[in-house]
PDB file of N, CA and C in Angstrom:
ATOM      1  N   MET A   1      17.791  -6.313   7.827  1.00  0.00           N
ATOM      2  CA  MET A   1      17.764  -8.079   9.032  1.00  0.00           C
ATOM      3  C   MET A   1      19.657  -7.828   9.232  1.00  0.00           C
ATOM      4  N   ALA A   2      19.182  -8.350  11.020  1.00  0.00           N
ATOM      5  CA  ALA A   2      20.730  -8.932  11.877  1.00  0.00           C
ATOM      6  C   ALA A   2      20.064 -10.464  11.859  1.00  0.00           C
ATOM      7  N   LEU A   3      21.324 -10.762  11.450  1.00  0.00           N
ATOM      8  CA  LEU A   3      20.960 -11.823  12.647  1.00  0.00           C
ATOM      9  C   LEU A   3      21.631 -12.014  13.859  1.00  0.00           C
ATOM     10  N   LYS A   4      20.766 -12.899  14.579  1.00  0.00           N
ATOM     11  CA  LYS A   4      20.642 -13.153  16.210  1.00  0.00           C
ATOM     12  C   LYS A   4      20.762 -14.864  16.279  1.00  0.00           C
ATOM     13  N   ARG A   5      21.767 -14.910  17.031  1.00  0.00           N
ATOM     14  CA  ARG A   5      22.705 -16.095  17.265  1.00  0.00           C
ATOM     15  C   ARG A   5      22.072 -16.743  19.191  1.00  0.00           C
ATOM     16  N   TYR A   6      20.758 -17.967  18.230  1.00  0.00           N
ATOM     17  CA  TYR A   6      19.836 -18.607  20.292  1.00  0.00           C
ATOM     18  C   TYR A   6      21.108 -19.521  20.953  1.00  0.00           C
ATOM     19  N   VAL A   7      21.479 -20.785  20.122  1.00  0.00           N
ATOM     20  CA  VAL A   7      21.546 -21.438  19.892  1.00  0.00           C
ATOM     21  C   VAL A   7      22.570 -22.254  19.490  1.00  0.00           C
ATOM     22  N   THR A   8      23.786 -22.552  20.176  1.00  0.00           N
ATOM     23  CA  THR A   8      24.946 -23.471  20.229  1.00  0.00           C
ATOM     24  C   THR A   8      25.252 -24.999  20.282  1.00  0.00           C
ATOM     25  N   GLU A   9      25.301 -25.838  19.868  1.00  0.00           N
ATOM     26  CA  GLU A   9      25.159 -27.237  20.047  1.00  0.00           C
ATOM     27  C   GLU A   9      26.050 -27.979  19.695  1.00  0.00           C
ATOM     28  N   MET A  10      26.208 -29.211  20.511  1.00  0.00           N
ATOM     29  CA  MET A  10      28.020 -28.948  19.635  1.00  0.00           C
ATOM     30  C   MET A  10      28.147 -31.015  19.754  1.00  0.00           C
ATOM     31  N   GLY A  11      28.380 -31.816  18.884  1.00  0.00           N
ATOM     32  CA  GLY A  11      27.963 -32.469  18.734  1.00  0.00           C
ATOM     33  C   GLY A  11      29.594 -33.752  18.222  1.00  0.00           C
ATOM     34  N   MET A  12      29.167 -35.258  17.875  1.00  0.00           N
ATOM     35  CA  MET A  12      30.064 -35.845  18.234  1.00  0.00           C
ATOM     36  C   MET A  12      29.788 -37.254  17.549  1.00  0.00           C
ATOM     37  N   GLY A  13      30.325 -37.880  16.109  1.00  0.00           N
ATOM     38  CA  GLY A  13      30.317 -38.983  15.506  1.00  0.00           C
ATOM     39  C   GLY A  13      31.209 -39.891  15.046  1.00  0.00           C
ATOM     40  N   VAL A  14      30.435 -40.721  15.789  1.00  0.00           N
ATOM     41  CA  VAL A  14      32.420 -41.583  15.331  1.00  0.00           C
ATOM     42  C   VAL A  14      31.519 -43.069  13.656  1.00  0.00           C
ATOM     43  N   ASP A  15      32.451 -43.253  12.440  1.00  0.00           N
ATOM     44  CA  ASP A  15      32.727 -44.606  11.690  1.00  0.00           C
ATOM     45  C   ASP A  15      33.088 -45.586  12.876  1.00  0.00           C
ATOM     46  N   VAL A  16      33.559 -46.037  13.288  1.00  0.00           N
ATOM     47  CA  VAL A  16      33.873 -47.293  13.705  1.00  0.00           C
ATOM     48  C   VAL A  16      35.002 -48.127  12.923  1.00  0.00           C
ATOM     49  N   HIS A  17      34.110 -48.413  11.068  1.00  0.00           N
ATOM     50  CA  HIS A  17      34.771 -49.430  10.153  1.00  0.00           C
ATOM     51  C   HIS A  17      34.598 -48.154   9.144  1.00  0.00           C
ATOM     52  N   GLY A  18      35.004 -48.120   8.567  1.00  0.00           N
ATOM     53  CA  GLY A  18      34.707 -47.744   7.061  1.00  0.00           C
ATOM     54  C   GLY A  18      35.944 -45.875   7.202  1.00  0.00           C
ATOM     55  N   GLY A  19      35.661 -45.444   7.348  1.00  0.00           N
ATOM     56  CA  GLY A  19      35.767 -44.267   7.181  1.00  0.00           C
ATOM     57  C   GLY A  19      34.692 -43.379   6.714  1.00  0.00           C
ATOM     58  N   ASP A  20      33.778 -43.576   7.029  1.00  0.00           N
ATOM     59  CA  ASP A  20      32.643 -42.662   6.000  1.00  0.00           C
ATOM     60  C   ASP A  20      32.301 -40.991   7.181  1.00  0.00           C
ATOM     61  N   TYR A  21      33.498 -40.319   6.853  1.00  0.00           N
ATOM     62  CA  TYR A  21      33.357 -38.986   7.514  1.00  0.00           C
ATOM     63  C   TYR A  21      31.496 -38.304   7.451  1.00  0.00           C
ATOM     64  N   THR A  22      30.681 -39.035   6.875  1.00  0.00           N
ATOM     65  CA  THR A  22      29.163 -37.898   6.319  1.00  0.00           C
ATOM     66  C   THR A  22      28.930 -38.858   6.826  1.00  0.00           C
ATOM     67  N   LYS A  23      29.014 -40.132   7.208  1.00  0.00           N
ATOM     68  CA  LYS A  23      28.247 -41.476   7.977  1.00  0.00           C
ATOM     69  C   LYS A  23      28.770 -40.517   9.150  1.00  0.00           C
ATOM     70  N   ALA A  24      29.803 -39.933   9.829  1.00  0.00           N
ATOM     71  CA  ALA A  24      30.012 -39.427  11.326  1.00  0.00           C
ATOM     72  C   ALA A  24      29.562 -38.407  12.152  1.00  0.00           C
ATOM     73  N   ALA A  25      29.315 -37.491  10.632  1.00  0.00           N
ATOM     74  CA  ALA A  25      29.052 -36.217  10.262  1.00  0.00           C
ATOM     75  C   ALA A  25      27.315 -36.323  10.638  1.00  0.00           C
ATOM     76  N   LYS A  26      26.487 -37.069  10.281  1.00  0.00           N
ATOM     77  CA  LYS A  26      25.752 -37.628  10.839  1.00  0.00           C
ATOM     78  C   LYS A  26      25.328 -38.062  12.108  1.00  0.00           C
ATOM     79  N   ARG A  27      25.758 -38.736  12.656  1.00  0.00           N
ATOM     80  CA  ARG A  27      25.807 -38.877  13.753  1.00  0.00           C
ATOM     81  C   ARG A  27      25.942 -38.158  14.659  1.00  0.00           C
ATOM     82  N   ALA A  28      27.152 -37.280  14.605  1.00  0.00           N
ATOM     83  CA  ALA A  28      27.338 -36.165  15.369  1.00  0.00           C
ATOM     84  C   ALA A  28      25.927 -35.139  15.662  1.00  0.00           C
ATOM     85  N   VAL A  29      25.924 -34.579  13.873  1.00  0.00           N
ATOM     86  CA  VAL A  29      24.233 -33.875  14.263  1.00  0.00           C
ATOM     87  C   VAL A  29      23.439 -34.588  15.257  1.00  0.00           C
ATOM     88  N   SER A  30      23.365 -36.046  15.019  1.00  0.00           N
ATOM     89  CA  SER A  30      22.289 -36.440  15.946  1.00  0.00           C
ATOM     90  C   SER A  30      22.677 -36.708  17.273  1.00  0.00           C
ATOM     91  N   ASP A  31      23.545 -36.101  17.555  1.00  0.00           N
ATOM     92  CA  ASP A  31      24.333 -36.164  18.731  1.00  0.00           C
ATOM     93  C   ASP A  31      23.892 -35.027  19.514  1.00  0.00           C
ATOM     94  N   ALA A  32      24.490 -33.581  18.356  1.00  0.00           N
ATOM     95  CA  ALA A  32      24.120 -32.300  19.023  1.00  0.00           C
ATOM     96  C   ALA A  32      22.280 -32.447  19.375  1.00  0.00           C
ATOM     97  N   ILE A  33      21.335 -32.457  18.292  1.00  0.00           N
ATOM     98  CA  ILE A  33      20.182 -31.678  18.210  1.00  0.00           C
ATOM     99  C   ILE A  33      19.699 -32.359  19.152  1.00  0.00           C
ATOM    100  N   ARG A  34      19.777 -34.403  19.719  1.00  0.00           N
ATOM    101  CA  ARG A  34      19.004 -34.387  20.383  1.00  0.00           C
ATOM    102  C   ARG A  34      19.021 -34.815  21.731  1.00  0.00           C
ATOM    103  N   HIS A  35      20.144 -33.274  21.835  1.00  0.00           N
ATOM    104  CA  HIS A  35      20.504 -32.751  23.215  1.00  0.00           C
ATOM    105  C   HIS A  35      19.660 -32.321  23.839  1.00  0.00           C
ATOM    106  N   SER A  36      19.110 -31.084  22.312  1.00  0.00           N
ATOM    107  CA  SER A  36      18.091 -29.602  22.781  1.00  0.00           C
ATOM    108  C   SER A  36      16.393 -30.045  22.746  1.00  0.00           C
ATOM    109  N   SER A  37      16.013 -28.904  23.437  1.00  0.00           N
ATOM    110  CA  SER A  37      14.038 -29.099  23.255  1.00  0.00           C
ATOM    111  C   SER A  37      14.393 -27.433  23.691  1.00  0.00           C
ATOM    112  N   LEU A  38      14.066 -27.142  22.184  1.00  0.00           N
ATOM    113  CA  LEU A  38      13.493 -25.325  22.640  1.00  0.00           C
ATOM    114  C   LEU A  38      12.927 -24.929  22.429  1.00  0.00           C
ATOM    115  N   ASN A  39      12.256 -24.494  23.390  1.00  0.00           N
ATOM    116  CA  ASN A  39      10.851 -24.343  23.785  1.00  0.00           C
ATOM    117  C   ASN A  39      10.870 -22.159  23.929  1.00  0.00           C
ATOM    118  N   PHE A  40      11.518 -21.294  22.599  1.00  0.00           N
ATOM    119  CA  PHE A  40      11.357 -20.106  23.017  1.00  0.00           C
ATOM    120  C   PHE A  40      11.016 -19.707  22.107  1.00  0.00           C
ATOM    121  N   PHE A  41      10.289 -20.536  20.838  1.00  0.00           N
ATOM    122  CA  PHE A  41       9.962 -19.898  19.450  1.00  0.00           C
ATOM    123  C   PHE A  41       8.280 -18.704  19.926  1.00  0.00           C
ATOM    124  N   ASP A  42       7.292 -19.489  20.738  1.00  0.00           N
ATOM    125  CA  ASP A  42       6.385 -18.322  20.780  1.00  0.00           C
ATOM    126  C   ASP A  42       7.251 -17.111  21.616  1.00  0.00           C
ATOM    127  N   ALA A  43       7.987 -16.931  22.489  1.00  0.00           N
ATOM    128  CA  ALA A  43       8.104 -16.161  23.087  1.00  0.00           C
ATOM    129  C   ALA A  43       8.909 -14.859  22.115  1.00  0.00           C
ATOM    130  N   LEU A  44       9.732 -15.866  20.645  1.00  0.00           N
ATOM    131  CA  LEU A  44      10.427 -15.306  19.760  1.00  0.00           C
ATOM    132  C   LEU A  44       8.844 -14.198  18.616  1.00  0.00           C
ATOM    133  N   GLY A  45       7.972 -15.129  18.924  1.00  0.00           N
ATOM    134  CA  GLY A  45       7.017 -15.411  17.055  1.00  0.00           C
ATOM    135  C   GLY A  45       7.584 -15.902  16.775  1.00  0.00           C
ATOM    136  N   LYS A  46       8.286 -16.765  16.366  1.00  0.00           N
ATOM    137  CA  LYS A  46       9.054 -17.535  15.452  1.00  0.00           C
ATOM    138  C   LYS A  46       8.565 -18.568  15.333  1.00  0.00           C
ATOM    139  N   SER A  47       8.398 -19.890  14.203  1.00  0.00           N
ATOM    140  CA  SER A  47       8.676 -21.245  13.497  1.00  0.00           C
ATOM    141  C   SER A  47       9.858 -21.388  14.321  1.00  0.00           C
ATOM    142  N   PRO A  48       9.758 -23.251  14.285  1.00  0.00           N
ATOM    143  CA  PRO A  48      11.231 -23.937  13.622  1.00  0.00           C
ATOM    144  C   PRO A  48      11.293 -23.850  12.711  1.00  0.00           C
ATOM    145  N   HIS A  49       9.949 -23.489  11.284  1.00  0.00           N
ATOM    146  CA  HIS A  49      11.820 -23.281  10.086  1.00  0.00           C
ATOM    147  C   HIS A  49      11.539 -21.719  10.004  1.00  0.00           C
ATOM    148  N   ASP A  50      11.706 -20.936  10.936  1.00  0.00           N
ATOM    149  CA  ASP A  50      12.523 -19.597  10.386  1.00  0.00           C
ATOM    150  C   ASP A  50      14.046 -19.895  11.438  1.00  0.00           C
ATOM    151  N   MET A  51      14.253 -20.888  11.820  1.00  0.00           N
ATOM    152  CA  MET A  51      15.751 -21.153  11.835  1.00  0.00           C
ATOM    153  C   MET A  51      16.725 -20.818  11.462  1.00  0.00           C
ATOM    154  N   ILE A  52      17.787 -20.413  11.161  1.00  0.00           N
ATOM    155  CA  ILE A  52      18.994 -20.225  10.288  1.00  0.00           C
ATOM    156  C   ILE A  52      20.401 -21.071  10.706  1.00  0.00           C
ATOM    157  N   ILE A  53      19.829 -21.926  10.196  1.00  0.00           N
ATOM    158  CA  ILE A  53      21.128 -23.326  11.003  1.00  0.00           C
ATOM    159  C   ILE A  53      22.403 -22.988   9.948  1.00  0.00           C
ATOM    160  N   THR A  54      23.831 -23.447  10.256  1.00  0.00           N
ATOM    161  CA  THR A  54      24.702 -23.376  10.382  1.00  0.00           C
ATOM    162  C   THR A  54      25.493 -24.171  10.852  1.00  0.00           C
ATOM    163  N   ALA A  55      25.896 -25.417  10.354  1.00  0.00           N
ATOM    164  CA  ALA A  55      26.228 -26.923  10.926  1.00  0.00           C
ATOM    165  C   ALA A  55      27.953 -26.724  10.681  1.00  0.00           C
ATOM    166  N   LYS A  56      28.504 -26.043  11.622  1.00  0.00           N
ATOM    167  CA  LYS A  56      29.822 -26.409  11.214  1.00  0.00           C
ATOM    168  C   LYS A  56      30.500 -27.840  10.843  1.00  0.00           C
ATOM    169  N   VAL A  57      31.119 -28.521  10.216  1.00  0.00           N
ATOM    170  CA  VAL A  57      31.935 -30.477  10.443  1.00  0.00           C
ATOM    171  C   VAL A  57      33.121 -29.878  10.255  1.00  0.00           C
ATOM    172  N   GLY A  58      33.613 -30.743  11.477  1.00  0.00           N
ATOM    173  CA  GLY A  58      34.631 -31.059  11.869  1.00  0.00           C
ATOM    174  C   GLY A  58      35.337 -32.088  11.194  1.00  0.00           C
ATOM    175  N   ALA A  59      36.461 -32.172  10.032  1.00  0.00           N
ATOM    176  CA  ALA A  59      36.575 -33.783   9.519  1.00  0.00           C
ATOM    177  C   ALA A  59      38.116 -33.642   9.102  1.00  0.00           C
ATOM    178  N   GLY A  60      38.236 -34.660   9.482  1.00  0.00           N
ATOM    179  CA  GLY A  60      39.862 -35.506   8.653  1.00  0.00           C
ATOM    180  C   GLY A  60      40.063 -34.866   6.645  1.00  0.00           C
ATOM    181  N   ASP A  61      38.819 -35.505   6.021  1.00  0.00           N
ATOM    182  CA  ASP A  61      38.954 -34.497   4.941  1.00  0.00           C
ATOM    183  C   ASP A  61      37.258 -34.197   4.930  1.00  0.00           C
ATOM    184  N   PRO A  62      37.598 -32.886   5.015  1.00  0.00           N
ATOM    185  CA  PRO A  62      36.458 -31.763   5.281  1.00  0.00           C
ATOM    186  C   PRO A  62      35.124 -32.283   3.237  1.00  0.00           C
ATOM    187  N   ASP A  63      36.138 -32.212   2.781  1.00  0.00           N
ATOM    188  CA  ASP A  63      35.981 -32.828   1.308  1.00  0.00           C
ATOM    189  C   ASP A  63      35.118 -33.535   0.615  1.00  0.00           C
ATOM    190  N   ALA A  64      35.302 -34.682   1.904  1.00  0.00           N
ATOM    191  CA  ALA A  64      34.553 -36.103   1.381  1.00  0.00           C
ATOM    192  C   ALA A  64      33.332 -35.673   2.788  1.00  0.00           C
ATOM    193  N   ILE A  65      33.065 -34.718   3.307  1.00  0.00           N
ATOM    194  CA  ILE A  65      31.472 -34.413   3.251  1.00  0.00           C
ATOM    195  C   ILE A  65      30.480 -34.558   2.195  1.00  0.00           C
ATOM    196  N   ASP A  66      29.098 -35.472   2.449  1.00  0.00           N
ATOM    197  CA  ASP A  66      28.545 -35.070   1.818  1.00  0.00           C
ATOM    198  C   ASP A  66      27.611 -33.772   2.374  1.00  0.00           C
ATOM    199  N   LYS A  67      27.696 -32.889   2.002  1.00  0.00           N
ATOM    200  CA  LYS A  67      26.764 -31.290   2.371  1.00  0.00           C
ATOM    201  C   LYS A  67      25.530 -31.636   2.331  1.00  0.00           C
ATOM    202  N   SER A  68      24.555 -31.914   1.490  1.00  0.00           N
ATOM    203  CA  SER A  68      23.393 -31.921   1.685  1.00  0.00           C
ATOM    204  C   SER A  68      22.876 -33.007   2.424  1.00  0.00           C
ATOM    205  N   ALA A  69      23.924 -34.089   2.346  1.00  0.00           N
ATOM    206  CA  ALA A  69      22.877 -35.344   2.905  1.00  0.00           C
ATOM    207  C   ALA A  69      23.232 -34.549   4.888  1.00  0.00           C
ATOM    208  N   ILE A  70      24.281 -34.233   5.277  1.00  0.00           N
ATOM    209  CA  ILE A  70      24.328 -33.402   6.722  1.00  0.00           C
ATOM    210  C   ILE A  70      22.872 -32.136   6.021  1.00  0.00           C
ATOM    211  N   ALA A  71      23.039 -31.338   5.493  1.00  0.00           N
ATOM    212  CA  ALA A  71      21.800 -30.575   5.208  1.00  0.00           C
ATOM    213  C   ALA A  71      19.774 -31.068   6.022  1.00  0.00           C
ATOM    214  N   GLU A  72      20.487 -32.530   5.484  1.00  0.00           N
ATOM    215  CA  GLU A  72      18.978 -33.856   5.903  1.00  0.00           C
ATOM    216  C   GLU A  72      18.802 -33.623   6.521  1.00  0.00           C
ATOM    217  N   ALA A  73      19.460 -34.225   8.197  1.00  0.00           N
ATOM    218  CA  ALA A  73      19.485 -34.511   8.801  1.00  0.00           C
ATOM    219  C   ALA A  73      19.017 -33.814   9.815  1.00  0.00           C
ATOM    220  N   PHE A  74      18.485 -32.651   9.479  1.00  0.00           N
ATOM    221  CA  PHE A  74      17.836 -31.313  10.070  1.00  0.00           C
ATOM    222  C   PHE A  74      16.898 -31.513   9.659  1.00  0.00           C
ATOM    223  N   PRO A  75      15.391 -31.758  10.476  1.00  0.00           N
ATOM    224  CA  PRO A  75      14.173 -31.671  11.171  1.00  0.00           C
ATOM    225  C   PRO A  75      13.636 -30.299  10.310  1.00  0.00           C
ATOM    226  N   PHE A  76      13.921 -29.308  10.448  1.00  0.00           N
ATOM    227  CA  PHE A  76      13.179 -27.928  10.272  1.00  0.00           C
ATOM    228  C   PHE A  76      15.105 -27.154  10.258  1.00  0.00           C
ATOM    229  N   GLY A  77      14.511 -25.618   9.787  1.00  0.00           N
ATOM    230  CA  GLY A  77      14.858 -24.697   9.589  1.00  0.00           C
ATOM    231  C   GLY A  77      16.168 -24.692   7.918  1.00  0.00           C
ATOM    232  N   THR A  78      16.851 -23.844   7.150  1.00  0.00           N
ATOM    233  CA  THR A  78      17.473 -23.758   6.141  1.00  0.00           C
ATOM    234  C   THR A  78      18.837 -23.369   6.599  1.00  0.00           C
ATOM    235  N   VAL A  79      19.602 -24.818   6.158  1.00  0.00           N
ATOM    236  CA  VAL A  79      20.693 -24.761   6.680  1.00  0.00           C
ATOM    237  C   VAL A  79      21.812 -25.000   5.616  1.00  0.00           C
ATOM    238  N   THR A  80      22.875 -24.247   6.301  1.00  0.00           N
ATOM    239  CA  THR A  80      24.454 -24.184   6.163  1.00  0.00           C
ATOM    240  C   THR A  80      25.165 -25.194   6.099  1.00  0.00           C
ATOM    241  N   VAL A  81      25.923 -26.162   5.239  1.00  0.00           N
ATOM    242  CA  VAL A  81      27.058 -26.988   6.304  1.00  0.00           C
ATOM    243  C   VAL A  81      28.414 -26.602   5.889  1.00  0.00           C
ATOM    244  N   GLU A  82      29.062 -26.453   7.067  1.00  0.00           N
ATOM    245  CA  GLU A  82      30.322 -25.601   6.024  1.00  0.00           C
ATOM    246  C   GLU A  82      32.262 -26.803   7.223  1.00  0.00           C
ATOM    247  N   PRO A  83      31.356 -27.884   5.588  1.00  0.00           N
ATOM    248  CA  PRO A  83      32.904 -28.836   6.493  1.00  0.00           C
ATOM    249  C   PRO A  83      34.405 -27.982   5.881  1.00  0.00           C
ATOM    250  N   THR A  84      35.026 -28.064   6.870  1.00  0.00           N
ATOM    251  CA  THR A  84      36.600 -27.722   7.666  1.00  0.00           C
ATOM    252  C   THR A  84      37.658 -28.754   8.150  1.00  0.00           C
ATOM    253  N   LEU A  85      38.320 -28.864   8.243  1.00  0.00           N
ATOM    254  CA  LEU A  85      39.476 -29.230   8.803  1.00  0.00           C
ATOM    255  C   LEU A  85      39.253 -29.506  10.613  1.00  0.00           C
ATOM    256  N   GLY A  86      39.372 -30.971  10.996  1.00  0.00           N
ATOM    257  CA  GLY A  86      39.253 -31.524  11.830  1.00  0.00           C
ATOM    258  C   GLY A  86      39.018 -32.626  12.582  1.00  0.00           C
ATOM    259  N   GLY A  87      38.552 -33.205  13.416  1.00  0.00           N
ATOM    260  CA  GLY A  87      38.064 -34.220  13.542  1.00  0.00           C
ATOM    261  C   GLY A  87      39.261 -34.687  13.783  1.00  0.00           C
ATOM    262  N   LEU A  88      39.582 -36.715  14.007  1.00  0.00           N
ATOM    263  CA  LEU A  88      39.890 -37.259  14.250  1.00  0.00           C
ATOM    264  C   LEU A  88      40.157 -38.560  13.303  1.00  0.00           C
ATOM    265  N   ASP A  89      41.158 -39.106  12.685  1.00  0.00           N
ATOM    266  CA  ASP A  89      41.279 -40.413  11.938  1.00  0.00           C
ATOM    267  C   ASP A  89      41.750 -41.017  12.861  1.00  0.00           C
ATOM    268  N   VAL A  90      42.221 -42.048  13.284  1.00  0.00           N
ATOM    269  CA  VAL A  90      42.566 -43.855  13.678  1.00  0.00           C
ATOM    270  C   VAL A  90      42.227 -44.358  13.283  1.00  0.00           C
ATOM    271  N   PRO A  91      43.994 -44.788  12.853  1.00  0.00           N
ATOM    272  CA  PRO A  91      44.157 -46.404  12.261  1.00  0.00           C
ATOM    273  C   PRO A  91      43.189 -47.238  12.920  1.00  0.00           C
ATOM    274  N   GLY A  92      42.304 -48.559  12.058  1.00  0.00           N
ATOM    275  CA  GLY A  92      41.996 -49.809  13.141  1.00  0.00           C
ATOM    276  C   GLY A  92      43.221 -50.602  12.525  1.00  0.00           C
ATOM    277  N   VAL A  93      41.993 -51.599  13.109  1.00  0.00           N
ATOM    278  CA  VAL A  93      42.959 -52.975  12.427  1.00  0.00           C
ATOM    279  C   VAL A  93      43.295 -53.499  11.077  1.00  0.00           C
ATOM    280  N   ASN A  94      43.699 -54.126  10.152  1.00  0.00           N
ATOM    281  CA  ASN A  94      43.518 -54.681   8.275  1.00  0.00           C
ATOM    282  C   ASN A  94      42.848 -53.688   7.771  1.00  0.00           C
ATOM    283  N   ASN A  95      43.431 -52.540   8.570  1.00  0.00           N
ATOM    284  CA  ASN A  95      43.671 -51.591   7.275  1.00  0.00           C
ATOM    285  C   ASN A  95      42.329 -50.575   7.587  1.00  0.00           C
ATOM    286  N   ASP A  96      41.421 -50.773   8.379  1.00  0.00           N
ATOM    287  CA  ASP A  96      40.157 -50.341   8.313  1.00  0.00           C
ATOM    288  C   ASP A  96      40.417 -48.776   9.201  1.00  0.00           C
ATOM    289  N   LEU A  97      40.246 -47.124   8.930  1.00  0.00           N
ATOM    290  CA  LEU A  97      39.633 -46.361   9.339  1.00  0.00           C
ATOM    291  C   LEU A  97      37.929 -46.057  10.455  1.00  0.00           C
ATOM    292  N   MET A  98      38.864 -45.408  11.415  1.00  0.00           N
ATOM    293  CA  MET A  98      37.602 -44.744  12.325  1.00  0.00           C
ATOM    294  C   MET A  98      38.356 -43.678  12.100  1.00  0.00           C
ATOM    295  N   VAL A  99      36.694 -42.051  11.865  1.00  0.00           N
ATOM    296  CA  VAL A  99      36.969 -41.389  11.706  1.00  0.00           C
ATOM    297  C   VAL A  99      36.469 -41.123  13.020  1.00  0.00           C
ATOM    298  N   ILE A 100      36.654 -39.739  13.811  1.00  0.00           N
ATOM    299  CA  ILE A 100      35.467 -39.161  14.307  1.00  0.00           C
ATOM    300  C   ILE A 100      35.684 -37.469  13.911  1.00  0.00           C
ATOM    301  N   VAL A 101      34.214 -37.048  13.712  1.00  0.00           N
ATOM    302  CA  VAL A 101      33.507 -36.022  13.024  1.00  0.00           C
ATOM    303  C   VAL A 101      33.236 -35.182  14.622  1.00  0.00           C
ATOM    304  N   ASN A 102      33.587 -33.362  14.559  1.00  0.00           N
ATOM    305  CA  ASN A 102      32.799 -33.348  15.767  1.00  0.00           C
ATOM    306  C   ASN A 102      31.999 -31.971  14.468  1.00  0.00           C
ATOM    307  N   VAL A 103      31.127 -31.418  14.815  1.00  0.00           N
ATOM    308  CA  VAL A 103      29.509 -31.140  14.200  1.00  0.00           C
ATOM    309  C   VAL A 103      29.559 -29.821  15.398  1.00  0.00           C
ATOM    310  N   VAL A 104      29.641 -28.262  15.091  1.00  0.00           N
ATOM    311  CA  VAL A 104      29.350 -27.900  15.780  1.00  0.00           C
ATOM    312  C   VAL A 104      27.919 -27.012  15.377  1.00  0.00           C
ATOM    313  N   VAL A 105      26.874 -27.102  15.904  1.00  0.00           N
ATOM    314  CA  VAL A 105      26.010 -26.242  15.261  1.00  0.00           C
ATOM    315  C   VAL A 105      25.258 -24.827  15.688  1.00  0.00           C
ATOM    316  N   LEU A 106      24.893 -23.745  15.278  1.00  0.00           N
ATOM    317  CA  LEU A 106      24.496 -22.183  15.806  1.00  0.00           C
ATOM    318  C   LEU A 106      23.264 -22.163  14.682  1.00  0.00           C
ATOM    319  N   VAL A 107      22.012 -21.953  16.110  1.00  0.00           N
ATOM    320  CA  VAL A 107      20.501 -21.300  15.170  1.00  0.00           C
ATOM    321  C   VAL A 107      20.534 -20.225  15.462  1.00  0.00           C
ATOM    322  N   GLN A 108      20.366 -19.573  14.252  1.00  0.00           N
ATOM    323  CA  GLN A 108      19.794 -18.231  14.557  1.00  0.00           C
ATOM    324  C   GLN A 108      18.415 -17.726  13.759  1.00  0.00           C
ATOM    325  N   PHE A 109      18.041 -16.205  14.138  1.00  0.00           N
ATOM    326  CA  PHE A 109      17.044 -16.247  13.513  1.00  0.00           C
ATOM    327  C   PHE A 109      17.828 -14.611  13.448  1.00  0.00           C
ATOM    328  N   GLU A 110      16.630 -14.049  11.904  1.00  0.00           N
ATOM    329  CA  GLU A 110      16.120 -12.673  11.054  1.00  0.00           C
ATOM    330  C   GLU A 110      15.799 -11.357  12.275  1.00  0.00           C
ATOM    331  N   GLU A 111      16.564 -10.850  12.864  1.00  0.00           N
ATOM    332  CA  GLU A 111      15.861  -9.724  13.809  1.00  0.00           C
ATOM    333  C   GLU A 111      16.179  -8.398  12.752  1.00  0.00           C
ATOM    334  N   ASP A 112      15.109  -7.823  13.504  1.00  0.00           N
ATOM    335  CA  ASP A 112      14.554  -5.961  13.211  1.00  0.00           C
ATOM    336  C   ASP A 112      16.757  -5.551  13.799  1.00  0.00           C
TER     337      ASP A 112
END
């Protein structure tokens, strides 16, 4: 079986105070998926649970991403989270750190 991609969706999330990359990544996932309404399941003979989702997460400190917390932000599908260097760190006032995280959500299905 081969994987075929049907959806590519982007999102951005920010933690304005505290430098929490996971919080910003969860917000980026929410930003990406709340802009989508997937209506092709019946046409494909699939269900939302059949989705194979890859979430590519760009953050200033990819090792600080809690991959399981990001995977739980998706309501359906089998999710793989791939943190990578990206996003933006912005020094704040009084040693506060603002972090911006970008997410690309790829939805694929197994096909014959």
